[in-house]
Amino acid sequence: MHDDLARRRDIAGGIARDAAALAARMRAKGMGATTMKGAQDFLTEADGATEHFIREQLARHFPGEPILGEEGGGEASESGPLWILDPIDGTANFARDGHRWCVSIGLARDGRAVMGAVARHEPAELYVAAAGLGATLNGTPIRAAATTDMARAIIEIGWSLRRPAEAFVALAGRVMADGGGVRSQGSGTLGLVETACGRLDAYLELHINAWDAAAALAIAREAGCWTNAFDSGDWLAAGNPICFAAPALGPRLAALMEA
């Protein structure tokens, strides 16, 4: 099983890196202009083209395996392998010529996230992991932060229109009252993998979709993060709340989310 996951990890990492390069080229050609799927929910021509490219590549390497994508949809199968992808996470940043966006390709097996690849174009970063095989950034092993003191913790809190604004503000207030430093940067996937590599001490969001978090969950687990039970219940179809953290901070932050 490890050999199969390692192969899948390596192939997915290459596809994610190539997809990020494709999205960057399309933006440079003026294909980063946005339309709106809903309030504060951006879509560019590059999103659709990048997802199409990823789907083609996965179908070539793994014919017949189901795919669930943010733009193209798919069946949320909990039996066997399921590829879960977000062609551009951080589309608002991408559309405004920012660099805080990424491509995310995850794999679930029997409903559990087991492999992930997350690629940034600039800076050139590739996070990959597979269950039992560790997590790396550009080939170097990564670990969650060893932070134990909330007064030293840097915590990103994602904002979602799927929950009331008051709930986001209240959560941020509880974290700050407990000593945490709070930020929000527009890419849930990057916040999650940056928690995995120790740049952040935690990432919290009251609701996030599977395509934003499946790859990062596999990476965070292998990097030793405390993680909540995100890949449980109806997570593939409906998403869930999420909490990734330095091991010493996880239970405390999870309690703040539920307060």
Protein backbone atom coordinates (compact mmCIF):
# COMPACT_ATOMS: atom_id res chain seq x y z
CA MET A 1 0.00 0.00 0.00
CA HIS A 2 2.86 2.40 0.80
CA ASP A 3 4.34 1.87 -2.67
CA ASP A 4 1.01 2.71 -4.28
CA LEU A 5 0.56 5.83 -2.17
CA ALA A 6 4.11 6.97 -2.86
CA ARG A 7 3.50 6.64 -6.60
CA ARG A 8 0.22 8.54 -6.34
CA ARG A 9 1.89 11.25 -4.24
CA ASP A 10 4.68 11.73 -6.74
CA ILE A 11 2.35 11.87 -9.74
CA ALA A 12 -0.08 14.22 -7.98
CA GLY A 13 2.79 16.49 -6.95
CA GLY A 14 3.95 16.81 -10.54
CA ILE A 15 0.43 17.50 -11.77
CA ALA A 16 -0.15 20.13 -9.06
CA ARG A 17 3.11 21.90 -9.91
CA ASP A 18 2.29 21.90 -13.64
CA ALA A 19 -1.26 23.09 -12.95
CA ALA A 20 0.02 26.04 -10.89
CA ALA A 21 2.35 27.00 -13.74
CA LEU A 22 -0.57 26.78 -16.19
CA ALA A 23 -2.73 29.04 -14.02
CA ALA A 24 0.08 31.58 -13.74
CA ARG A 25 0.56 31.62 -17.53
CA MET A 26 -3.15 32.13 -18.07
CA ARG A 27 -3.22 35.03 -15.64
CA ALA A 28 -0.29 36.64 -17.44
CA LYS A 29 -2.33 36.41 -20.66
CA GLY A 30 -5.28 38.22 -19.07
CA MET A 31 -7.35 35.17 -18.15
CA GLY A 32 -7.47 36.04 -14.47
CA ALA A 33 -10.48 38.35 -14.72
CA THR A 34 -13.30 37.33 -12.41
CA THR A 35 -16.95 36.48 -12.62
CA MET A 36 -18.96 35.82 -9.46
CA LYS A 37 -20.45 32.52 -8.34
CA GLY A 38 -21.98 34.40 -5.40
CA ALA A 39 -21.15 37.13 -2.91
CA GLN A 40 -17.37 37.11 -2.27
CA ASP A 41 -17.12 33.87 -4.32
CA PHE A 42 -14.83 34.53 -7.27
CA LEU A 43 -14.30 32.52 -10.45
CA THR A 44 -11.81 33.05 -13.28
CA GLU A 45 -11.33 31.44 -16.67
CA ALA A 46 -8.13 29.97 -15.28
CA ASP A 47 -10.05 28.05 -12.57
CA GLY A 48 -12.00 26.02 -15.12
CA ALA A 49 -9.04 25.44 -17.45
CA THR A 50 -6.77 24.39 -14.59
CA GLU A 51 -9.31 21.93 -13.23
CA HIS A 52 -9.79 20.51 -16.75
CA PHE A 53 -6.02 20.00 -17.04
CA ILE A 54 -5.83 18.24 -13.66
CA ARG A 55 -8.76 15.98 -14.52
CA GLU A 56 -7.17 15.02 -17.84
CA GLN A 57 -3.86 14.18 -16.17
CA LEU A 58 -5.46 12.14 -13.39
CA ALA A 59 -7.57 10.23 -15.93
CA ARG A 60 -4.43 9.43 -17.93
CA HIS A 61 -2.58 8.03 -14.91
CA PHE A 62 -5.53 6.56 -13.01
CA PRO A 63 -8.24 5.76 -15.55
CA GLY A 64 -11.74 5.34 -14.23
CA GLU A 65 -11.06 6.67 -10.74
CA PRO A 66 -13.66 9.19 -9.53
CA ILE A 67 -12.85 12.88 -9.12
CA LEU A 68 -14.56 15.51 -6.97
CA GLY A 69 -13.63 19.08 -7.91
CA GLU A 70 -14.71 22.53 -6.84
CA GLU A 71 -15.66 23.65 -10.34
CA GLY A 72 -16.55 20.38 -12.09
CA GLY A 73 -18.30 18.62 -9.23
CA GLY A 74 -18.42 14.85 -9.10
CA GLU A 75 -19.71 12.09 -6.88
CA ALA A 76 -18.65 12.17 -3.22
CA SER A 77 -17.88 8.47 -3.10
CA GLU A 78 -16.78 6.97 0.24
CA SER A 79 -15.80 3.64 -1.32
CA GLY A 80 -12.31 3.12 -2.76
CA PRO A 81 -10.13 5.95 -4.05
CA LEU A 82 -11.51 9.44 -4.67
CA TRP A 83 -9.48 12.36 -6.01
CA ILE A 84 -10.47 15.71 -4.47
CA LEU A 85 -9.20 18.89 -6.06
CA ASP A 86 -9.31 22.65 -5.98
CA PRO A 87 -7.75 24.14 -9.13
CA ILE A 88 -7.08 27.54 -7.55
CA ASP A 89 -7.59 28.10 -3.84
CA GLY A 90 -7.36 31.81 -3.11
CA THR A 91 -9.04 32.92 -6.33
CA ALA A 92 -9.62 36.48 -5.06
CA ASN A 93 -5.87 36.82 -4.42
CA PHE A 94 -5.09 35.24 -7.79
CA ALA A 95 -7.43 37.60 -9.65
CA ARG A 96 -5.78 40.66 -8.07
CA ASP A 97 -2.26 39.57 -9.08
CA GLY A 98 -1.43 38.35 -5.59
CA HIS A 99 0.77 35.36 -4.87
CA ARG A 100 -1.24 33.79 -2.04
CA TRP A 101 -3.02 31.07 -4.01
CA CYS A 102 -2.34 27.42 -4.73
CA VAL A 103 -3.43 24.21 -6.44
CA SER A 104 -4.66 21.39 -4.20
CA ILE A 105 -4.96 17.70 -5.13
CA GLY A 106 -6.00 15.26 -2.41
CA LEU A 107 -6.83 11.58 -2.32
CA ALA A 108 -9.33 9.92 -0.01
CA ARG A 109 -9.54 6.17 0.35
CA ASP A 110 -12.74 4.72 1.80
CA GLY A 111 -13.71 8.18 3.01
CA ARG A 112 -10.43 9.09 4.74
CA ALA A 113 -7.86 11.62 3.45
CA VAL A 114 -4.62 9.69 2.82
CA MET A 115 -2.56 11.71 0.34
CA GLY A 116 -2.08 15.34 -0.59
CA ALA A 117 -0.18 17.62 -2.95
CA VAL A 118 -0.38 21.43 -2.72
CA ALA A 119 1.58 23.62 -5.13
CA ARG A 120 2.35 27.34 -5.22
CA HIS A 121 3.81 28.97 -8.30
CA GLU A 122 5.47 31.97 -6.64
CA PRO A 123 7.25 31.30 -4.40
CA ALA A 124 7.81 27.86 -5.92
CA GLU A 125 6.61 25.51 -3.19
CA LEU A 126 5.35 21.94 -3.31
CA TYR A 127 3.91 20.32 -0.20
CA VAL A 128 3.30 16.56 -0.43
CA ALA A 129 2.47 13.74 1.95
CA ALA A 130 1.02 10.25 2.04
CA ALA A 131 -0.19 8.24 5.00
CA GLY A 132 2.74 6.60 6.77
CA LEU A 133 5.34 8.25 4.51
CA GLY A 134 5.82 11.67 6.09
CA ALA A 135 5.31 15.18 4.75
CA THR A 136 7.73 17.41 2.84
CA LEU A 137 8.05 20.91 1.45
CA ASN A 138 10.21 20.97 -1.69
CA GLY A 139 11.61 17.61 -0.62
CA THR A 140 12.53 18.63 2.94
CA PRO A 141 10.63 17.03 5.83
CA ILE A 142 8.27 19.34 7.72
CA ARG A 143 6.85 19.32 11.23
CA ALA A 144 4.21 21.27 13.10
CA ALA A 145 5.33 24.01 15.44
CA ALA A 146 6.30 23.13 19.00
CA THR A 147 4.50 26.20 20.38
CA THR A 148 2.91 25.68 23.80
CA ASP A 149 2.08 29.25 24.85
CA MET A 150 -0.99 30.91 23.34
CA ALA A 151 0.61 34.30 23.93
CA ARG A 152 3.24 33.32 21.34
CA ALA A 153 0.86 31.68 18.87
CA ILE A 154 0.06 32.99 15.39
CA ILE A 155 -3.35 31.68 14.36
CA GLU A 156 -5.15 32.07 11.06
CA ILE A 157 -8.94 32.07 11.13
CA GLY A 158 -10.68 31.51 7.82
CA TRP A 159 -13.87 33.38 7.00
CA SER A 160 -16.80 31.64 5.32
CA LEU A 161 -20.10 33.03 4.11
CA ARG A 162 -21.58 29.65 5.02
CA ARG A 163 -21.55 30.75 8.66
CA PRO A 164 -22.80 34.04 10.13
CA ALA A 165 -20.30 36.89 10.24
CA GLU A 166 -21.04 37.24 13.94
CA ALA A 167 -19.76 33.71 14.55
CA PHE A 168 -16.45 34.52 12.83
CA VAL A 169 -16.04 37.72 14.84
CA ALA A 170 -16.90 35.92 18.07
CA LEU A 171 -14.36 33.15 17.40
CA ALA A 172 -11.63 35.67 16.60
CA GLY A 173 -12.49 37.51 19.81
CA ARG A 174 -12.23 34.34 21.91
CA VAL A 175 -8.86 33.42 20.40
CA MET A 176 -7.49 36.93 20.94
CA ALA A 177 -8.82 37.05 24.49
CA ASP A 178 -6.92 33.81 25.14
CA GLY A 179 -3.70 35.45 23.92
CA GLY A 180 -3.50 34.33 20.30
CA GLY A 181 -2.42 36.59 17.44
CA VAL A 182 -4.99 36.41 14.63
CA ARG A 183 -4.72 36.79 10.86
CA SER A 184 -6.78 35.94 7.76
CA GLN A 185 -5.09 35.75 4.37
CA GLY A 186 -7.56 34.47 1.81
CA SER A 187 -6.42 30.89 1.14
CA GLY A 188 -7.62 28.21 3.51
CA THR A 189 -5.44 25.55 1.89
CA LEU A 190 -2.28 27.61 2.35
CA GLY A 191 -3.21 28.40 5.94
CA LEU A 192 -3.57 24.68 6.59
CA VAL A 193 -0.27 23.60 5.01
CA GLU A 194 1.57 26.50 6.62
CA THR A 195 0.34 25.15 9.94
CA ALA A 196 1.78 21.79 8.90
CA CYS A 197 5.22 23.30 8.29
CA GLY A 198 5.22 25.48 11.42
CA ARG A 199 4.87 28.91 9.83
CA LEU A 200 1.53 29.18 11.62
CA ASP A 201 0.59 27.65 14.95
CA ALA A 202 -3.00 26.90 13.93
CA TYR A 203 -5.66 27.30 11.28
CA LEU A 204 -9.34 27.43 12.24
CA GLU A 205 -12.49 27.80 10.18
CA LEU A 206 -16.10 27.25 11.16
CA HIS A 207 -16.84 25.64 7.79
CA ILE A 208 -14.61 24.58 4.90
CA ASN A 209 -15.25 22.31 1.92
CA ALA A 210 -13.53 19.02 1.20
CA TRP A 211 -11.68 20.31 -1.88
CA ASP A 212 -10.06 23.06 0.20
CA ALA A 213 -8.84 20.74 2.95
CA ALA A 214 -8.46 17.10 1.85
CA ALA A 215 -4.89 17.39 0.58
CA ALA A 216 -3.84 19.61 3.48
CA LEU A 217 -5.32 17.19 6.01
CA ALA A 218 -3.13 14.35 4.79
CA ILE A 219 -0.11 16.68 4.90
CA ALA A 220 -0.90 18.01 8.37
CA ARG A 221 -1.36 14.55 9.87
CA GLU A 222 1.98 13.39 8.54
CA ALA A 223 3.63 16.58 9.85
CA GLY A 224 2.40 15.87 13.38
CA CYS A 225 -0.32 18.50 13.68
CA TRP A 226 -3.24 18.13 16.03
CA THR A 227 -6.25 17.79 13.73
CA ASN A 228 -9.96 17.58 14.42
CA ALA A 229 -12.11 14.87 12.84
CA PHE A 230 -12.58 16.81 9.61
CA ASP A 231 -12.88 13.75 7.35
CA SER A 232 -15.91 12.35 9.15
CA GLY A 233 -19.65 12.44 8.68
CA ASP A 234 -20.77 13.95 5.37
CA TRP A 235 -17.50 15.85 4.87
CA LEU A 236 -17.10 15.05 1.19
CA ALA A 237 -20.46 16.49 0.19
CA ALA A 238 -21.06 19.07 2.90
CA GLY A 239 -17.71 20.02 4.43
CA ASN A 240 -17.07 20.49 8.16
CA PRO A 241 -15.50 22.81 10.71
CA ILE A 242 -11.72 22.49 10.77
CA CYS A 243 -8.95 22.93 13.32
CA PHE A 244 -5.28 22.15 12.66
CA ALA A 245 -2.79 23.19 15.31
CA ALA A 246 0.51 22.69 17.04
CA PRO A 247 -0.07 19.60 19.19
CA ALA A 248 -0.01 21.46 22.51
CA LEU A 249 -2.58 24.02 21.33
CA GLY A 250 -5.09 21.85 19.48
CA PRO A 251 -7.48 20.83 22.27
CA ARG A 252 -7.57 24.36 23.66
CA LEU A 253 -8.38 25.89 20.28
CA ALA A 254 -10.97 23.22 19.48
CA ALA A 255 -12.72 24.12 22.73
CA LEU A 256 -12.71 27.80 21.73
CA MET A 257 -14.34 26.87 18.43
CA GLU A 258 -17.13 25.07 20.25
CA ALA A 259 -17.67 27.73 22.92
